[in-house]
Protein backbone atom coordinates (compact mmCIF):
# COMPACT_ATOMS: atom_id res chain seq x y z
CA MET A 1 -10.36 52.18 -68.87
CA SER A 2 -9.68 52.15 -65.17
CA THR A 3 -8.92 53.15 -61.92
CA LEU A 4 -7.69 51.75 -58.95
CA HIS A 5 -8.09 54.91 -55.98
CA ILE A 6 -5.85 53.54 -53.40
CA VAL A 7 -6.11 55.62 -49.59
CA SER A 8 -4.07 55.69 -47.31
CA SER A 9 -5.08 58.11 -45.00
CA SER A 10 -8.34 57.81 -42.16
CA PRO A 11 -11.71 59.18 -43.09
CA PHE A 12 -11.46 60.45 -39.33
CA GLN A 13 -8.12 62.66 -40.07
CA THR A 14 -8.77 63.70 -44.12
CA HIS A 15 -10.72 64.26 -47.42
CA ALA A 16 -9.08 61.46 -49.74
CA LEU A 17 -11.87 59.24 -48.89
CA GLN A 18 -14.08 61.42 -50.35
CA SER A 19 -12.38 63.15 -52.53
CA ALA A 20 -11.55 59.48 -54.29
CA LEU A 21 -15.34 58.65 -54.23
CA LYS A 22 -16.49 62.35 -56.14
CA VAL A 23 -14.39 60.51 -59.15
CA VAL A 24 -14.46 57.31 -59.49
CA ARG A 25 -16.34 56.07 -62.15
CA ASN A 26 -17.92 52.84 -63.41
CA GLY A 27 -15.16 50.09 -63.20
CA ASP A 28 -12.85 51.46 -60.58
CA ALA A 29 -11.92 50.32 -57.43
CA ILE A 30 -10.96 51.17 -54.36
CA LEU A 31 -8.31 50.55 -52.11
CA LEU A 32 -7.91 51.28 -48.23
CA ILE A 33 -4.02 50.86 -46.83
CA GLU A 34 -2.68 52.06 -44.31
CA ASN A 35 -5.08 53.80 -42.08
CA GLY A 36 -7.50 54.35 -44.28
CA VAL A 37 -8.77 51.29 -43.34
CA TYR A 38 -10.60 52.74 -40.54
CA ALA A 39 -13.28 53.34 -43.35
CA ALA A 40 -13.37 49.90 -43.62
CA VAL A 41 -14.97 49.45 -40.59
CA ASP A 42 -18.93 48.65 -40.80
CA GLY A 43 -20.75 52.29 -39.85
CA PRO A 44 -23.31 54.78 -40.91
CA GLU A 45 -20.94 56.87 -42.09
CA MET A 46 -18.72 54.65 -44.39
CA ALA A 47 -22.68 53.55 -46.16
CA GLN A 48 -23.38 57.36 -45.81
CA MET A 49 -20.20 58.74 -47.97
CA LEU A 50 -20.61 55.54 -50.87
CA ALA A 51 -24.33 56.23 -51.31
CA GLY A 52 -23.46 58.45 -54.63
CA ALA A 53 -20.39 56.61 -55.96
CA ALA A 54 -20.72 54.71 -59.04
CA ASP A 55 -23.09 51.05 -58.95
CA ASP A 56 -20.15 48.32 -59.47
CA LEU A 57 -17.82 50.29 -57.14
CA MET A 58 -15.88 47.38 -54.79
CA VAL A 59 -14.23 48.79 -51.71
CA TYR A 60 -11.59 46.50 -50.52
CA ALA A 61 -9.00 46.57 -47.25
CA LEU A 62 -5.22 45.60 -47.13
CA ALA A 63 -6.27 42.84 -44.16
CA GLU A 64 -2.76 43.13 -42.92
CA ASP A 65 -3.61 47.01 -42.27
CA LEU A 66 -7.03 45.83 -40.59
CA ASN A 67 -5.32 43.06 -38.35
CA ALA A 68 -2.39 46.11 -37.15
CA ARG A 69 -5.13 47.93 -36.16
CA ALA A 70 -6.74 45.57 -34.34
CA LEU A 71 -10.07 46.44 -36.71
CA PRO A 72 -13.05 44.95 -35.72
CA SER A 73 -15.22 43.01 -38.62
CA VAL A 74 -15.60 44.89 -41.67
CA GLY A 75 -18.99 46.26 -43.19
CA LYS A 76 -20.86 44.65 -45.46
CA HIS A 77 -19.38 46.65 -48.74
CA VAL A 78 -15.64 46.07 -47.83
CA ILE A 79 -13.81 42.96 -48.94
CA LYS A 80 -9.99 41.74 -47.41
CA ALA A 81 -7.64 41.43 -49.68
CA SER A 82 -3.94 40.47 -49.15
CA TYR A 83 -0.62 42.12 -50.17
CA THR A 84 -1.49 39.11 -52.94
CA ASP A 85 -4.76 40.35 -54.20
CA PHE A 86 -3.05 43.84 -54.55
CA VAL A 87 -0.83 43.55 -56.70
CA GLN A 88 -3.63 41.74 -58.93
CA LEU A 89 -6.47 45.22 -58.62
CA VAL A 90 -3.05 47.05 -59.87
CA CYS A 91 -2.47 44.33 -62.95
CA GLN A 92 -6.19 44.86 -63.58
CA HIS A 93 -6.99 48.45 -63.42
CA ASN A 94 -5.13 50.42 -66.35
CA ASN A 95 -4.53 52.69 -63.61
CA SER A 96 -3.65 53.76 -60.14
CA VAL A 97 -3.89 57.07 -57.55
CA SER A 98 -2.98 57.26 -54.42
CA TRP A 99 -5.05 59.47 -52.39
CA SER A 100 -3.14 60.24 -48.94
């Protein structure tokens, strides 16, 4: 059973992303939305956070939220997702957990 972890808060304000990363398993995915997309910006902090995560972990960032915050291009570890992709991710996973 796989889980979609939806992270909505900035990694600079809360530990939501770090908490999610502690419980991810193979087959899980992380979707960054709202201020959570700040974690999608390429940098050593995100690479360090992902170092201990599951091997096949997929990380997505909602493109509309990236655009709303005028963020530069995302890191190579992040896939931009549309609202349609968001719905598909929810359908692909058995469970969804929101982290804020």
